[in-house]
Amino acid sequence: MVKIKVRLRIGVTRERAWEIVSNINDDSYFWRGITSIRNLSRNGNAVTREVILGRDNVCIQVLTIHPMERIQVHWVSGVISGTRDILLFPLGQTTLLEIQMSYEFPGIGRHDSKRLAELFQAEAELAADLIKRRSEGFECDIPMAERLWVN
């Protein structure tokens, strides 16, 4: 199991940061491994969607949205299993963004798992930085890095 935690202070209110992270259709901007998103269904605060990782890895996610506090992404099928939480904590007129990831990679050996942990650590750090930049009103066009996704 790979566990990742990234924290970053954003110079805007939690309400402004929430506007950015709660727009779940923009996830491929922040999470560069996602190349396509298709929402399948919505039931209250839960959204089931299909995401494509890299060129052709189809995964199903269930997102549970807790307004102004957190978005939990549960990977239910595909090359990743586990959860990713995006949490927002108010700090006066600023916000603490925390990303927690707890992933398993079925069928992947320990050596490859370590390499994937490094990849996902970098992915979470980049996502946090992009969320911060967009929340603070800056656009950042960082080219999508090539990813090797295991089938």
C-alpha atoms as a PDB file:
ATOM      1  CA  MET A   1       0.000   0.000   0.000  1.00  0.00           C
ATOM      2  CA  VAL A   2       1.220   3.477  -0.918  1.00  0.00           C
ATOM      3  CA  LYS A   3       0.335   6.359   1.398  1.00  0.00           C
ATOM      4  CA  ILE A   4       0.928   9.949   0.344  1.00  0.00           C
ATOM      5  CA  LYS A   5       0.164  13.234   2.082  1.00  0.00           C
ATOM      6  CA  VAL A   6       0.727  16.711   0.664  1.00  0.00           C
ATOM      7  CA  ARG A   7      -0.104  19.968   2.442  1.00  0.00           C
ATOM      8  CA  LEU A   8      -0.048  23.454   0.998  1.00  0.00           C
ATOM      9  CA  ARG A   9      -1.249  26.836   2.227  1.00  0.00           C
ATOM     10  CA  ILE A  10      -3.372  28.740  -0.274  1.00  0.00           C
ATOM     11  CA  GLY A  11      -3.704  32.524  -0.056  1.00  0.00           C
ATOM     12  CA  VAL A  12      -7.503  32.568  -0.467  1.00  0.00           C
ATOM     13  CA  THR A  13     -10.521  31.747   1.669  1.00  0.00           C
ATOM     14  CA  ARG A  14     -11.826  28.214   1.904  1.00  0.00           C
ATOM     15  CA  GLU A  15     -14.878  29.289  -0.095  1.00  0.00           C
ATOM     16  CA  ARG A  16     -12.683  30.357  -3.038  1.00  0.00           C
ATOM     17  CA  ALA A  17     -10.555  27.200  -2.843  1.00  0.00           C
ATOM     18  CA  TRP A  18     -13.759  25.122  -2.724  1.00  0.00           C
ATOM     19  CA  GLU A  19     -14.953  26.719  -5.989  1.00  0.00           C
ATOM     20  CA  ILE A  20     -11.850  25.284  -7.652  1.00  0.00           C
ATOM     21  CA  VAL A  21     -11.642  21.781  -6.120  1.00  0.00           C
ATOM     22  CA  SER A  22     -15.382  21.131  -6.303  1.00  0.00           C
ATOM     23  CA  ASN A  23     -15.416  21.581 -10.086  1.00  0.00           C
ATOM     24  CA  ILE A  24     -14.779  17.861 -10.532  1.00  0.00           C
ATOM     25  CA  ASN A  25     -14.993  18.050 -14.313  1.00  0.00           C
ATOM     26  CA  ASP A  26     -11.677  19.955 -14.264  1.00  0.00           C
ATOM     27  CA  ASP A  27      -9.802  17.102 -12.564  1.00  0.00           C
ATOM     28  CA  SER A  28      -7.759  16.304 -15.655  1.00  0.00           C
ATOM     29  CA  TYR A  29      -6.210  19.789 -15.388  1.00  0.00           C
ATOM     30  CA  PHE A  30      -4.943  19.086 -11.868  1.00  0.00           C
ATOM     31  CA  TRP A  31      -4.372  15.332 -12.065  1.00  0.00           C
ATOM     32  CA  ARG A  32      -2.217  14.936 -15.137  1.00  0.00           C
ATOM     33  CA  GLY A  33      -2.592  11.154 -15.298  1.00  0.00           C
ATOM     34  CA  ILE A  34      -6.295  11.561 -16.119  1.00  0.00           C
ATOM     35  CA  THR A  35      -6.821  12.015 -19.837  1.00  0.00           C
ATOM     36  CA  SER A  36     -10.610  11.635 -19.964  1.00  0.00           C
ATOM     37  CA  ILE A  37     -13.589  11.857 -17.585  1.00  0.00           C
ATOM     38  CA  ARG A  38     -17.147  10.698 -18.169  1.00  0.00           C
ATOM     39  CA  ASN A  39     -19.738  11.104 -15.412  1.00  0.00           C
ATOM     40  CA  LEU A  40     -21.952   8.015 -15.257  1.00  0.00           C
ATOM     41  CA  SER A  41     -24.412   8.830 -12.477  1.00  0.00           C
ATOM     42  CA  ARG A  42     -25.126  11.092  -9.531  1.00  0.00           C
ATOM     43  CA  ASN A  43     -26.926  10.098  -6.329  1.00  0.00           C
ATOM     44  CA  GLY A  44     -27.078  12.909  -3.782  1.00  0.00           C
ATOM     45  CA  ASN A  45     -23.498  13.891  -2.972  1.00  0.00           C
ATOM     46  CA  ALA A  46     -21.994  10.834  -4.734  1.00  0.00           C
ATOM     47  CA  VAL A  47     -20.847  10.868  -8.360  1.00  0.00           C
ATOM     48  CA  THR A  48     -19.820   7.702 -10.198  1.00  0.00           C
ATOM     49  CA  ARG A  49     -17.554   8.292 -13.154  1.00  0.00           C
ATOM     50  CA  GLU A  50     -15.290   6.602 -15.624  1.00  0.00           C
ATOM     51  CA  VAL A  51     -11.778   7.996 -15.979  1.00  0.00           C
ATOM     52  CA  ILE A  52      -9.122   7.083 -18.493  1.00  0.00           C
ATOM     53  CA  LEU A  53      -5.563   7.068 -17.174  1.00  0.00           C
ATOM     54  CA  GLY A  54      -2.871   7.534 -19.762  1.00  0.00           C
ATOM     55  CA  ARG A  55      -3.904   6.187 -23.130  1.00  0.00           C
ATOM     56  CA  ASP A  56      -6.231   3.334 -22.303  1.00  0.00           C
ATOM     57  CA  ASN A  57      -6.526   2.396 -18.632  1.00  0.00           C
ATOM     58  CA  VAL A  58     -10.238   2.562 -17.796  1.00  0.00           C
ATOM     59  CA  CYS A  59     -11.074   3.069 -14.120  1.00  0.00           C
ATOM     60  CA  ILE A  60     -14.276   3.664 -12.214  1.00  0.00           C
ATOM     61  CA  GLN A  61     -14.328   6.180  -9.366  1.00  0.00           C
ATOM     62  CA  VAL A  62     -16.994   7.125  -6.854  1.00  0.00           C
ATOM     63  CA  LEU A  63     -16.594  10.685  -5.596  1.00  0.00           C
ATOM     64  CA  THR A  64     -18.275  11.691  -2.362  1.00  0.00           C
ATOM     65  CA  ILE A  65     -18.565  15.449  -2.035  1.00  0.00           C
ATOM     66  CA  HIS A  66     -18.729  16.996   1.439  1.00  0.00           C
ATOM     67  CA  PRO A  67     -19.387  20.683   0.650  1.00  0.00           C
ATOM     68  CA  MET A  68     -16.691  23.125   1.768  1.00  0.00           C
ATOM     69  CA  GLU A  69     -14.739  20.361   3.542  1.00  0.00           C
ATOM     70  CA  ARG A  70     -13.617  17.457   1.405  1.00  0.00           C
ATOM     71  CA  ILE A  71     -13.903  15.396  -1.720  1.00  0.00           C
ATOM     72  CA  GLN A  72     -13.207  11.708  -1.350  1.00  0.00           C
ATOM     73  CA  VAL A  73     -12.363   9.726  -4.462  1.00  0.00           C
ATOM     74  CA  HIS A  74     -12.747   5.967  -4.150  1.00  0.00           C
ATOM     75  CA  TRP A  75     -11.208   3.937  -6.974  1.00  0.00           C
ATOM     76  CA  VAL A  76     -13.552   0.963  -7.358  1.00  0.00           C
ATOM     77  CA  SER A  77     -12.157  -0.720 -10.469  1.00  0.00           C
ATOM     78  CA  GLY A  78      -9.143  -0.465 -12.728  1.00  0.00           C
ATOM     79  CA  VAL A  79      -5.381  -0.386 -12.253  1.00  0.00           C
ATOM     80  CA  ILE A  80      -5.636   1.520  -8.935  1.00  0.00           C
ATOM     81  CA  SER A  81      -7.621   0.668  -5.839  1.00  0.00           C
ATOM     82  CA  GLY A  82      -7.876   2.886  -2.800  1.00  0.00           C
ATOM     83  CA  THR A  83      -8.821   6.459  -1.951  1.00  0.00           C
ATOM     84  CA  ARG A  84      -7.760  10.037  -2.478  1.00  0.00           C
ATOM     85  CA  ASP A  85      -9.058  12.753  -0.166  1.00  0.00           C
ATOM     86  CA  ILE A  86      -8.860  16.459  -0.909  1.00  0.00           C
ATOM     87  CA  LEU A  87      -9.441  18.406   2.293  1.00  0.00           C
ATOM     88  CA  LEU A  88      -9.746  22.138   2.946  1.00  0.00           C
ATOM     89  CA  PHE A  89      -9.130  23.704   6.370  1.00  0.00           C
ATOM     90  CA  PRO A  90      -9.801  27.409   6.975  1.00  0.00           C
ATOM     91  CA  LEU A  91      -6.894  29.442   8.334  1.00  0.00           C
ATOM     92  CA  GLY A  92      -8.395  32.919   8.701  1.00  0.00           C
ATOM     93  CA  GLN A  93      -8.359  34.416   5.186  1.00  0.00           C
ATOM     94  CA  THR A  94      -6.193  31.570   3.892  1.00  0.00           C
ATOM     95  CA  THR A  95      -6.769  27.831   3.469  1.00  0.00           C
ATOM     96  CA  LEU A  96      -4.776  24.704   4.183  1.00  0.00           C
ATOM     97  CA  LEU A  97      -5.140  22.245   1.313  1.00  0.00           C
ATOM     98  CA  GLU A  98      -4.349  18.646   2.183  1.00  0.00           C
ATOM     99  CA  ILE A  99      -4.246  15.754  -0.246  1.00  0.00           C
ATOM    100  CA  GLN A 100      -4.170  12.236   1.201  1.00  0.00           C
ATOM    101  CA  MET A 101      -3.762   9.206  -1.012  1.00  0.00           C
ATOM    102  CA  SER A 102      -3.909   5.565  -0.002  1.00  0.00           C
ATOM    103  CA  TYR A 103      -3.431   3.355  -3.063  1.00  0.00           C
ATOM    104  CA  GLU A 104      -2.815  -0.236  -3.945  1.00  0.00           C
ATOM    105  CA  PHE A 105      -1.816  -1.488  -7.357  1.00  0.00           C
ATOM    106  CA  PRO A 106      -3.199  -5.013  -7.851  1.00  0.00           C
ATOM    107  CA  GLY A 107      -0.766  -7.243  -9.673  1.00  0.00           C
ATOM    108  CA  ILE A 108       2.207  -4.904  -9.250  1.00  0.00           C
ATOM    109  CA  GLY A 109       5.401  -6.085  -7.595  1.00  0.00           C
ATOM    110  CA  ARG A 110       7.055  -4.281  -4.694  1.00  0.00           C
ATOM    111  CA  HIS A 111       9.751  -2.689  -6.882  1.00  0.00           C
ATOM    112  CA  ASP A 112       7.206  -1.266  -9.315  1.00  0.00           C
ATOM    113  CA  SER A 113       5.056  -0.161  -6.379  1.00  0.00           C
ATOM    114  CA  LYS A 114       7.949   1.999  -5.112  1.00  0.00           C
ATOM    115  CA  ARG A 115       8.306   3.624  -8.535  1.00  0.00           C
ATOM    116  CA  LEU A 116       4.560   4.266  -8.658  1.00  0.00           C
ATOM    117  CA  ALA A 117       4.682   5.793  -5.158  1.00  0.00           C
ATOM    118  CA  GLU A 118       7.263   8.290  -6.405  1.00  0.00           C
ATOM    119  CA  LEU A 119       5.127   9.045  -9.455  1.00  0.00           C
ATOM    120  CA  PHE A 120       1.996   9.624  -7.374  1.00  0.00           C
ATOM    121  CA  GLN A 121       3.886  11.754  -4.841  1.00  0.00           C
ATOM    122  CA  ALA A 122       4.973  14.032  -7.691  1.00  0.00           C
ATOM    123  CA  GLU A 123       1.427  13.959  -9.104  1.00  0.00           C
ATOM    124  CA  ALA A 124      -0.062  15.057  -5.747  1.00  0.00           C
ATOM    125  CA  GLU A 125       2.510  17.838  -5.343  1.00  0.00           C
ATOM    126  CA  LEU A 126       1.794  19.109  -8.848  1.00  0.00           C
ATOM    127  CA  ALA A 127      -1.979  18.951  -8.286  1.00  0.00           C
ATOM    128  CA  ALA A 128      -1.670  20.905  -5.023  1.00  0.00           C
ATOM    129  CA  ASP A 129       0.425  23.559  -6.758  1.00  0.00           C
ATOM    130  CA  LEU A 130      -2.020  23.834  -9.672  1.00  0.00           C
ATOM    131  CA  ILE A 131      -5.001  24.096  -7.279  1.00  0.00           C
ATOM    132  CA  LYS A 132      -3.152  26.837  -5.384  1.00  0.00           C
ATOM    133  CA  ARG A 133      -2.302  28.745  -8.575  1.00  0.00           C
ATOM    134  CA  ARG A 134      -5.818  28.574  -9.993  1.00  0.00           C
ATOM    135  CA  SER A 135      -7.382  29.485  -6.620  1.00  0.00           C
ATOM    136  CA  GLU A 136      -5.112  32.520  -6.364  1.00  0.00           C
ATOM    137  CA  GLY A 137      -5.998  33.602  -9.910  1.00  0.00           C
ATOM    138  CA  PHE A 138      -2.939  32.368 -11.797  1.00  0.00           C
ATOM    139  CA  GLU A 139      -3.094  29.976 -14.705  1.00  0.00           C
ATOM    140  CA  CYS A 140      -0.185  27.659 -15.186  1.00  0.00           C
ATOM    141  CA  ASP A 141       0.328  25.675 -18.338  1.00  0.00           C
ATOM    142  CA  ILE A 142       2.617  22.835 -17.325  1.00  0.00           C
ATOM    143  CA  PRO A 143       2.892  20.307 -20.168  1.00  0.00           C
ATOM    144  CA  MET A 144       1.440  16.876 -19.433  1.00  0.00           C
ATOM    145  CA  ALA A 145       4.291  14.539 -18.609  1.00  0.00           C
ATOM    146  CA  GLU A 146       4.452  11.156 -20.248  1.00  0.00           C
ATOM    147  CA  ARG A 147       3.126   8.518 -17.885  1.00  0.00           C
ATOM    148  CA  LEU A 148       3.660   4.793 -18.017  1.00  0.00           C
ATOM    149  CA  TRP A 149       0.465   3.174 -16.803  1.00  0.00           C
ATOM    150  CA  VAL A 150       0.510  -0.496 -16.107  1.00  0.00           C
ATOM    151  CA  ASN A 151      -2.343  -2.576 -17.533  1.00  0.00           C
END
